[in-house]
PDB file of N, CA and C in Angstrom:
ATOM      1  N   UNK A   1    -107.482 213.894 218.726  1.00  0.00           N
ATOM      2  CA  UNK A   1    -106.637 215.067 218.820  1.00  0.00           C
ATOM      3  C   UNK A   1    -105.823 215.035 220.118  1.00  0.00           C
ATOM      4  N   UNK A   2    -106.465 214.572 221.199  1.00  0.00           N
ATOM      5  CA  UNK A   2    -105.755 214.515 222.465  1.00  0.00           C
ATOM      6  C   UNK A   2    -104.648 213.469 222.427  1.00  0.00           C
ATOM      7  N   UNK A   3    -104.791 212.465 221.596  1.00  0.00           N
ATOM      8  CA  UNK A   3    -103.791 211.403 221.510  1.00  0.00           C
ATOM      9  C   UNK A   3    -102.690 211.771 220.520  1.00  0.00           C
ATOM     10  N   UNK A   4    -103.008 212.557 219.518  1.00  0.00           N
ATOM     11  CA  UNK A   4    -102.054 212.868 218.446  1.00  0.00           C
ATOM     12  C   UNK A   4    -100.904 213.736 218.952  1.00  0.00           C
ATOM     13  N   UNK A   5    -101.209 214.739 219.738  1.00  0.00           N
ATOM     14  CA  UNK A   5    -100.162 215.652 220.214  1.00  0.00           C
ATOM     15  C   UNK A   5     -99.150 214.924 221.100  1.00  0.00           C
ATOM     16  N   UNK A   6     -99.562 214.146 222.098  1.00  0.00           N
ATOM     17  CA  UNK A   6     -98.561 213.406 222.877  1.00  0.00           C
ATOM     18  C   UNK A   6     -97.811 212.384 222.039  1.00  0.00           C
ATOM     19  N   UNK A   7     -98.477 211.799 221.048  1.00  0.00           N
ATOM     20  CA  UNK A   7     -97.819 210.819 220.183  1.00  0.00           C
ATOM     21  C   UNK A   7     -96.733 211.493 219.345  1.00  0.00           C
ATOM     22  N   UNK A   8     -97.017 212.658 218.817  1.00  0.00           N
ATOM     23  CA  UNK A   8     -96.021 213.411 218.038  1.00  0.00           C
ATOM     24  C   UNK A   8     -94.850 213.805 218.943  1.00  0.00           C
ATOM     25  N   UNK A   9     -95.157 214.264 220.148  1.00  0.00           N
ATOM     26  CA  UNK A   9     -94.104 214.644 221.084  1.00  0.00           C
ATOM     27  C   UNK A   9     -93.232 213.452 221.442  1.00  0.00           C
ATOM     28  N   UNK A  10     -93.848 212.276 221.624  1.00  0.00           N
ATOM     29  CA  UNK A  10     -93.107 211.062 221.942  1.00  0.00           C
ATOM     30  C   UNK A  10     -92.197 210.671 220.775  1.00  0.00           C
ATOM     31  N   UNK A  11     -92.704 210.778 219.548  1.00  0.00           N
ATOM     32  CA  UNK A  11     -91.889 210.447 218.369  1.00  0.00           C
ATOM     33  C   UNK A  11     -90.699 211.394 218.236  1.00  0.00           C
ATOM     34  N   UNK A  12     -90.941 212.671 218.485  1.00  0.00           N
ATOM     35  CA  UNK A  12     -89.835 213.634 218.407  1.00  0.00           C
ATOM     36  C   UNK A  12     -88.805 213.373 219.492  1.00  0.00           C
ATOM     37  N   UNK A  13     -89.258 213.026 220.678  1.00  0.00           N
ATOM     38  CA  UNK A  13     -88.349 212.750 221.788  1.00  0.00           C
ATOM     39  C   UNK A  13     -87.503 211.508 221.513  1.00  0.00           C
ATOM     40  N   UNK A  14     -88.144 210.455 221.015  1.00  0.00           N
ATOM     41  CA  UNK A  14     -87.414 209.220 220.740  1.00  0.00           C
ATOM     42  C   UNK A  14     -86.542 209.337 219.493  1.00  0.00           C
ATOM     43  N   UNK A  15     -86.941 210.195 218.575  1.00  0.00           N
ATOM     44  CA  UNK A  15     -86.187 210.347 217.329  1.00  0.00           C
ATOM     45  C   UNK A  15     -84.980 211.253 217.457  1.00  0.00           C
ATOM     46  N   UNK A  16     -84.923 212.015 218.531  1.00  0.00           N
ATOM     47  CA  UNK A  16     -83.776 212.913 218.675  1.00  0.00           C
ATOM     48  C   UNK A  16     -82.548 212.102 219.070  1.00  0.00           C
ATOM     49  N   UNK A  17     -81.441 212.429 218.431  1.00  0.00           N
ATOM     50  CA  UNK A  17     -80.203 211.699 218.701  1.00  0.00           C
ATOM     51  C   UNK A  17     -79.402 212.352 219.808  1.00  0.00           C
ATOM     52  N   UNK A  18     -78.275 211.794 220.030  1.00  0.00           N
ATOM     53  CA  UNK A  18     -77.380 212.305 221.049  1.00  0.00           C
ATOM     54  C   UNK A  18     -76.647 213.537 220.513  1.00  0.00           C
ATOM     55  N   UNK A  19     -76.499 214.553 221.339  1.00  0.00           N
ATOM     56  CA  UNK A  19     -75.823 215.784 220.919  1.00  0.00           C
ATOM     57  C   UNK A  19     -74.316 215.552 220.882  1.00  0.00           C
ATOM     58  N   UNK A  20     -73.667 216.082 219.860  1.00  0.00           N
ATOM     59  CA  UNK A  20     -72.225 215.942 219.714  1.00  0.00           C
ATOM     60  C   UNK A  20     -71.597 217.331 219.606  1.00  0.00           C
ATOM     61  N   UNK A  21     -70.422 217.462 220.119  1.00  0.00           N
ATOM     62  CA  UNK A  21     -69.718 218.746 220.087  1.00  0.00           C
ATOM     63  C   UNK A  21     -69.116 218.967 218.705  1.00  0.00           C
ATOM     64  N   UNK A  22     -68.984 220.241 218.362  1.00  0.00           N
ATOM     65  CA  UNK A  22     -68.356 220.591 217.095  1.00  0.00           C
ATOM     66  C   UNK A  22     -66.887 220.911 217.329  1.00  0.00           C
ATOM     67  N   UNK A  23     -66.133 220.929 216.238  1.00  0.00           N
ATOM     68  CA  UNK A  23     -64.731 221.282 216.320  1.00  0.00           C
ATOM     69  C   UNK A  23     -64.591 222.775 216.564  1.00  0.00           C
ATOM     70  N   UNK A  24     -63.540 223.154 217.276  1.00  0.00           N
ATOM     71  CA  UNK A  24     -63.252 224.562 217.529  1.00  0.00           C
ATOM     72  C   UNK A  24     -62.702 225.187 216.252  1.00  0.00           C
ATOM     73  N   UNK A  25     -63.215 226.370 215.929  1.00  0.00           N
ATOM     74  CA  UNK A  25     -62.754 227.083 214.740  1.00  0.00           C
ATOM     75  C   UNK A  25     -61.767 228.150 215.183  1.00  0.00           C
ATOM     76  N   UNK A  26     -60.568 228.120 214.634  1.00  0.00           N
ATOM     77  CA  UNK A  26     -59.530 229.098 214.953  1.00  0.00           C
ATOM     78  C   UNK A  26     -59.156 229.826 213.670  1.00  0.00           C
ATOM     79  N   UNK A  27     -59.148 231.159 213.745  1.00  0.00           N
ATOM     80  CA  UNK A  27     -58.810 231.971 212.580  1.00  0.00           C
ATOM     81  C   UNK A  27     -57.476 232.673 212.850  1.00  0.00           C
ATOM     82  N   UNK A  28     -56.364 232.101 212.356  1.00  0.00           N
ATOM     83  CA  UNK A  28     -55.054 232.689 212.653  1.00  0.00           C
ATOM     84  C   UNK A  28     -54.890 234.114 212.123  1.00  0.00           C
ATOM     85  N   UNK A  29     -55.445 234.401 210.955  1.00  0.00           N
ATOM     86  CA  UNK A  29     -55.291 235.754 210.412  1.00  0.00           C
ATOM     87  C   UNK A  29     -56.017 236.770 211.288  1.00  0.00           C
ATOM     88  N   UNK A  30     -57.164 236.399 211.840  1.00  0.00           N
ATOM     89  CA  UNK A  30     -57.894 237.297 212.731  1.00  0.00           C
ATOM     90  C   UNK A  30     -57.115 237.527 214.024  1.00  0.00           C
ATOM     91  N   UNK A  31     -56.494 236.484 214.549  1.00  0.00           N
ATOM     92  CA  UNK A  31     -55.685 236.615 215.762  1.00  0.00           C
ATOM     93  C   UNK A  31     -54.484 237.526 215.501  1.00  0.00           C
ATOM     94  N   UNK A  32     -53.835 237.357 214.359  1.00  0.00           N
ATOM     95  CA  UNK A  32     -52.679 238.188 214.016  1.00  0.00           C
ATOM     96  C   UNK A  32     -53.092 239.647 213.864  1.00  0.00           C
ATOM     97  N   UNK A  33     -54.213 239.890 213.193  1.00  0.00           N
ATOM     98  CA  UNK A  33     -54.699 241.259 213.015  1.00  0.00           C
ATOM     99  C   UNK A  33     -55.061 241.884 214.354  1.00  0.00           C
ATOM    100  N   UNK A  34     -55.598 241.095 215.237  1.00  0.00           N
ATOM    101  CA  UNK A  34     -55.939 241.588 216.579  1.00  0.00           C
ATOM    102  C   UNK A  34     -54.688 241.992 217.340  1.00  0.00           C
ATOM    103  N   UNK A  35     -53.625 241.209 217.214  1.00  0.00           N
ATOM    104  CA  UNK A  35     -52.359 241.542 217.874  1.00  0.00           C
ATOM    105  C   UNK A  35     -51.783 242.828 217.298  1.00  0.00           C
ATOM    106  N   UNK A  36     -51.836 242.983 215.986  1.00  0.00           N
ATOM    107  CA  UNK A  36     -51.330 244.197 215.342  1.00  0.00           C
ATOM    108  C   UNK A  36     -52.134 245.409 215.811  1.00  0.00           C
ATOM    109  N   UNK A  37     -53.448 245.279 215.841  1.00  0.00           N
ATOM    110  CA  UNK A  37     -54.288 246.395 216.273  1.00  0.00           C
ATOM    111  C   UNK A  37     -54.027 246.757 217.735  1.00  0.00           C
ATOM    112  N   UNK A  38     -53.822 245.757 218.565  1.00  0.00           N
ATOM    113  CA  UNK A  38     -53.539 246.015 219.981  1.00  0.00           C
ATOM    114  C   UNK A  38     -52.209 246.748 220.153  1.00  0.00           C
ATOM    115  N   UNK A  39     -51.205 246.338 219.391  1.00  0.00           N
ATOM    116  CA  UNK A  39     -49.900 247.001 219.512  1.00  0.00           C
ATOM    117  C   UNK A  39     -49.968 248.438 218.999  1.00  0.00           C
ATOM    118  N   UNK A  40     -50.709 248.681 217.920  1.00  0.00           N
ATOM    119  CA  UNK A  40     -50.877 250.054 217.424  1.00  0.00           C
ATOM    120  C   UNK A  40     -51.603 250.910 218.457  1.00  0.00           C
ATOM    121  N   UNK A  41     -52.607 250.336 219.082  1.00  0.00           N
ATOM    122  CA  UNK A  41     -53.354 251.065 220.106  1.00  0.00           C
ATOM    123  C   UNK A  41     -52.465 251.388 221.296  1.00  0.00           C
ATOM    124  N   UNK A  42     -51.613 250.452 221.679  1.00  0.00           N
ATOM    125  CA  UNK A  42     -50.701 250.668 222.800  1.00  0.00           C
ATOM    126  C   UNK A  42     -49.717 251.792 222.494  1.00  0.00           C
ATOM    127  N   UNK A  43     -49.201 251.827 221.273  1.00  0.00           N
ATOM    128  CA  UNK A  43     -48.273 252.891 220.872  1.00  0.00           C
ATOM    129  C   UNK A  43     -48.985 254.238 220.916  1.00  0.00           C
ATOM    130  N   UNK A  44     -50.202 254.285 220.413  1.00  0.00           N
ATOM    131  CA  UNK A  44     -50.960 255.531 220.396  1.00  0.00           C
ATOM    132  C   UNK A  44     -51.269 256.006 221.819  1.00  0.00           C
ATOM    133  N   UNK A  45     -51.617 255.089 222.701  1.00  0.00           N
ATOM    134  CA  UNK A  45     -51.918 255.466 224.082  1.00  0.00           C
ATOM    135  C   UNK A  45     -50.673 255.955 224.808  1.00  0.00           C
ATOM    136  N   UNK A  46     -49.527 255.350 224.545  1.00  0.00           N
ATOM    137  CA  UNK A  46     -48.295 255.810 225.194  1.00  0.00           C
ATOM    138  C   UNK A  46     -47.901 257.190 224.677  1.00  0.00           C
ATOM    139  N   UNK A  47     -48.118 257.459 223.401  1.00  0.00           N
ATOM    140  CA  UNK A  47     -47.848 258.784 222.846  1.00  0.00           C
ATOM    141  C   UNK A  47     -48.770 259.822 223.485  1.00  0.00           C
ATOM    142  N   UNK A  48     -50.028 259.465 223.649  1.00  0.00           N
ATOM    143  CA  UNK A  48     -50.976 260.370 224.283  1.00  0.00           C
ATOM    144  C   UNK A  48     -50.571 260.661 225.721  1.00  0.00           C
ATOM    145  N   UNK A  49     -50.148 259.641 226.441  1.00  0.00           N
ATOM    146  CA  UNK A  49     -49.709 259.828 227.825  1.00  0.00           C
ATOM    147  C   UNK A  49     -48.479 260.727 227.887  1.00  0.00           C
ATOM    148  N   UNK A  50     -47.543 260.536 226.950  1.00  0.00           N
ATOM    149  CA  UNK A  50     -46.344 261.368 226.915  1.00  0.00           C
ATOM    150  C   UNK A  50     -46.709 262.828 226.658  1.00  0.00           C
ATOM    151  N   UNK A  51     -47.665 263.061 225.747  1.00  0.00           N
ATOM    152  CA  UNK A  51     -48.112 264.432 225.468  1.00  0.00           C
ATOM    153  C   UNK A  51     -48.796 265.046 226.686  1.00  0.00           C
ATOM    154  N   UNK A  52     -49.564 264.245 227.402  1.00  0.00           N
ATOM    155  CA  UNK A  52     -50.227 264.758 228.601  1.00  0.00           C
ATOM    156  C   UNK A  52     -49.206 265.166 229.660  1.00  0.00           C
ATOM    157  N   UNK A  53     -48.157 264.396 229.827  1.00  0.00           N
ATOM    158  CA  UNK A  53     -47.122 264.724 230.806  1.00  0.00           C
ATOM    159  C   UNK A  53     -46.424 266.020 230.419  1.00  0.00           C
ATOM    160  N   UNK A  54     -46.087 266.164 229.141  1.00  0.00           N
ATOM    161  CA  UNK A  54     -45.405 267.400 228.721  1.00  0.00           C
ATOM    162  C   UNK A  54     -46.333 268.607 228.869  1.00  0.00           C
ATOM    163  N   UNK A  55     -47.626 268.441 228.577  1.00  0.00           N
ATOM    164  CA  UNK A  55     -48.573 269.538 228.773  1.00  0.00           C
ATOM    165  C   UNK A  55     -48.691 269.902 230.248  1.00  0.00           C
ATOM    166  N   UNK A  56     -48.689 268.911 231.118  1.00  0.00           N
ATOM    167  CA  UNK A  56     -48.764 269.174 232.550  1.00  0.00           C
ATOM    168  C   UNK A  56     -47.509 269.903 233.031  1.00  0.00           C
ATOM    169  N   UNK A  57     -46.341 269.514 232.532  1.00  0.00           N
ATOM    170  CA  UNK A  57     -45.105 270.188 232.911  1.00  0.00           C
ATOM    171  C   UNK A  57     -45.121 271.647 232.460  1.00  0.00           C
ATOM    172  N   UNK A  58     -45.661 271.890 231.284  1.00  0.00           N
ATOM    173  CA  UNK A  58     -45.777 273.266 230.789  1.00  0.00           C
ATOM    174  C   UNK A  58     -46.728 274.071 231.664  1.00  0.00           C
ATOM    175  N   UNK A  59     -47.808 273.442 232.115  1.00  0.00           N
ATOM    176  CA  UNK A  59     -48.765 274.108 232.998  1.00  0.00           C
ATOM    177  C   UNK A  59     -48.100 274.450 234.330  1.00  0.00           C
ATOM    178  N   UNK A  60     -47.274 273.550 234.846  1.00  0.00           N
ATOM    179  CA  UNK A  60     -46.556 273.816 236.096  1.00  0.00           C
ATOM    180  C   UNK A  60     -45.620 275.019 235.920  1.00  0.00           C
ATOM    181  N   UNK A  61     -44.934 275.103 234.786  1.00  0.00           N
ATOM    182  CA  UNK A  61     -44.046 276.244 234.527  1.00  0.00           C
ATOM    183  C   UNK A  61     -44.826 277.548 234.521  1.00  0.00           C
ATOM    184  N   UNK A  62     -45.965 277.550 233.833  1.00  0.00           N
ATOM    185  CA  UNK A  62     -46.790 278.759 233.757  1.00  0.00           C
ATOM    186  C   UNK A  62     -47.286 279.148 235.144  1.00  0.00           C
ATOM    187  N   UNK A  63     -47.681 278.166 235.924  1.00  0.00           N
ATOM    188  CA  UNK A  63     -48.148 278.442 237.293  1.00  0.00           C
ATOM    189  C   UNK A  63     -47.032 279.040 238.135  1.00  0.00           C
ATOM    190  N   UNK A  64     -45.823 278.487 238.034  1.00  0.00           N
ATOM    191  CA  UNK A  64     -44.707 279.001 238.827  1.00  0.00           C
ATOM    192  C   UNK A  64     -44.352 280.435 238.428  1.00  0.00           C
ATOM    193  N   UNK A  65     -44.406 280.742 237.121  1.00  0.00           N
ATOM    194  CA  UNK A  65     -44.136 282.105 236.676  1.00  0.00           C
ATOM    195  C   UNK A  65     -45.202 283.066 237.203  1.00  0.00           C
ATOM    196  N   UNK A  66     -46.462 282.658 237.116  1.00  0.00           N
ATOM    197  CA  UNK A  66     -47.547 283.510 237.595  1.00  0.00           C
ATOM    198  C   UNK A  66     -47.430 283.726 239.102  1.00  0.00           C
ATOM    199  N   UNK A  67     -47.035 282.690 239.825  1.00  0.00           N
ATOM    200  CA  UNK A  67     -46.877 282.817 241.283  1.00  0.00           C
ATOM    201  C   UNK A  67     -45.737 283.776 241.608  1.00  0.00           C
ATOM    202  N   UNK A  68     -44.662 283.686 240.854  1.00  0.00           N
ATOM    203  CA  UNK A  68     -43.528 284.583 241.082  1.00  0.00           C
ATOM    204  C   UNK A  68     -43.937 286.041 240.847  1.00  0.00           C
ATOM    205  N   UNK A  69     -44.684 286.301 239.763  1.00  0.00           N
ATOM    206  CA  UNK A  69     -45.147 287.661 239.482  1.00  0.00           C
ATOM    207  C   UNK A  69     -46.129 288.130 240.547  1.00  0.00           C
ATOM    208  N   UNK A  70     -46.980 287.243 240.989  1.00  0.00           N
ATOM    209  CA  UNK A  70     -47.957 287.598 242.013  1.00  0.00           C
ATOM    210  C   UNK A  70     -47.257 287.940 243.330  1.00  0.00           C
ATOM    211  N   UNK A  71     -46.266 287.145 243.698  1.00  0.00           N
ATOM    212  CA  UNK A  71     -45.524 287.432 244.932  1.00  0.00           C
ATOM    213  C   UNK A  71     -44.775 288.747 244.837  1.00  0.00           C
ATOM    214  N   UNK A  72     -44.237 289.039 243.647  1.00  0.00           N
ATOM    215  CA  UNK A  72     -43.527 290.319 243.460  1.00  0.00           C
ATOM    216  C   UNK A  72     -44.512 291.480 243.588  1.00  0.00           C
ATOM    217  N   UNK A  73     -45.720 291.347 243.023  1.00  0.00           N
ATOM    218  CA  UNK A  73     -46.708 292.403 243.150  1.00  0.00           C
ATOM    219  C   UNK A  73     -47.143 292.590 244.601  1.00  0.00           C
ATOM    220  N   UNK A  74     -47.260 291.519 245.324  1.00  0.00           N
ATOM    221  CA  UNK A  74     -47.633 291.628 246.743  1.00  0.00           C
ATOM    222  C   UNK A  74     -46.552 292.299 247.547  1.00  0.00           C
ATOM    223  N   UNK A  75     -45.310 292.015 247.206  1.00  0.00           N
ATOM    224  CA  UNK A  75     -44.202 292.643 247.913  1.00  0.00           C
ATOM    225  C   UNK A  75     -44.201 294.145 247.670  1.00  0.00           C
ATOM    226  N   UNK A  76     -44.524 294.577 246.453  1.00  0.00           N
ATOM    227  CA  UNK A  76     -44.587 296.010 246.135  1.00  0.00           C
ATOM    228  C   UNK A  76     -45.743 296.655 246.877  1.00  0.00           C
ATOM    229  N   UNK A  77     -46.894 295.987 246.936  1.00  0.00           N
ATOM    230  CA  UNK A  77     -48.070 296.553 247.606  1.00  0.00           C
ATOM    231  C   UNK A  77     -47.868 296.636 249.116  1.00  0.00           C
ATOM    232  N   UNK A  78     -47.075 295.765 249.682  1.00  0.00           N
ATOM    233  CA  UNK A  78     -46.855 295.765 251.125  1.00  0.00           C
ATOM    234  C   UNK A  78     -45.942 296.881 251.578  1.00  0.00           C
ATOM    235  N   UNK A  79     -45.236 297.507 250.629  1.00  0.00           N
ATOM    236  CA  UNK A  79     -44.349 298.625 251.010  1.00  0.00           C
ATOM    237  C   UNK A  79     -45.206 299.767 251.437  1.00  0.00           C
TER     238      UNK A  79
END
């Protein structure tokens, strides 16, 4: 038994061949779909950014109106 295990290991070691590389697999349809998905995502993100800017501008307008009313009320109270 002590001789069999090293003998089997030696046979497996000597019987193993040299490792060879495989060919690279390229899937053009997957690459094209990835490009399409990326461009759609970019369009959606730019639309979202544009909406955020317009919402921020609207918030600035509301703030300026509220500040104007607040200043007018303070001016009346200071009389």
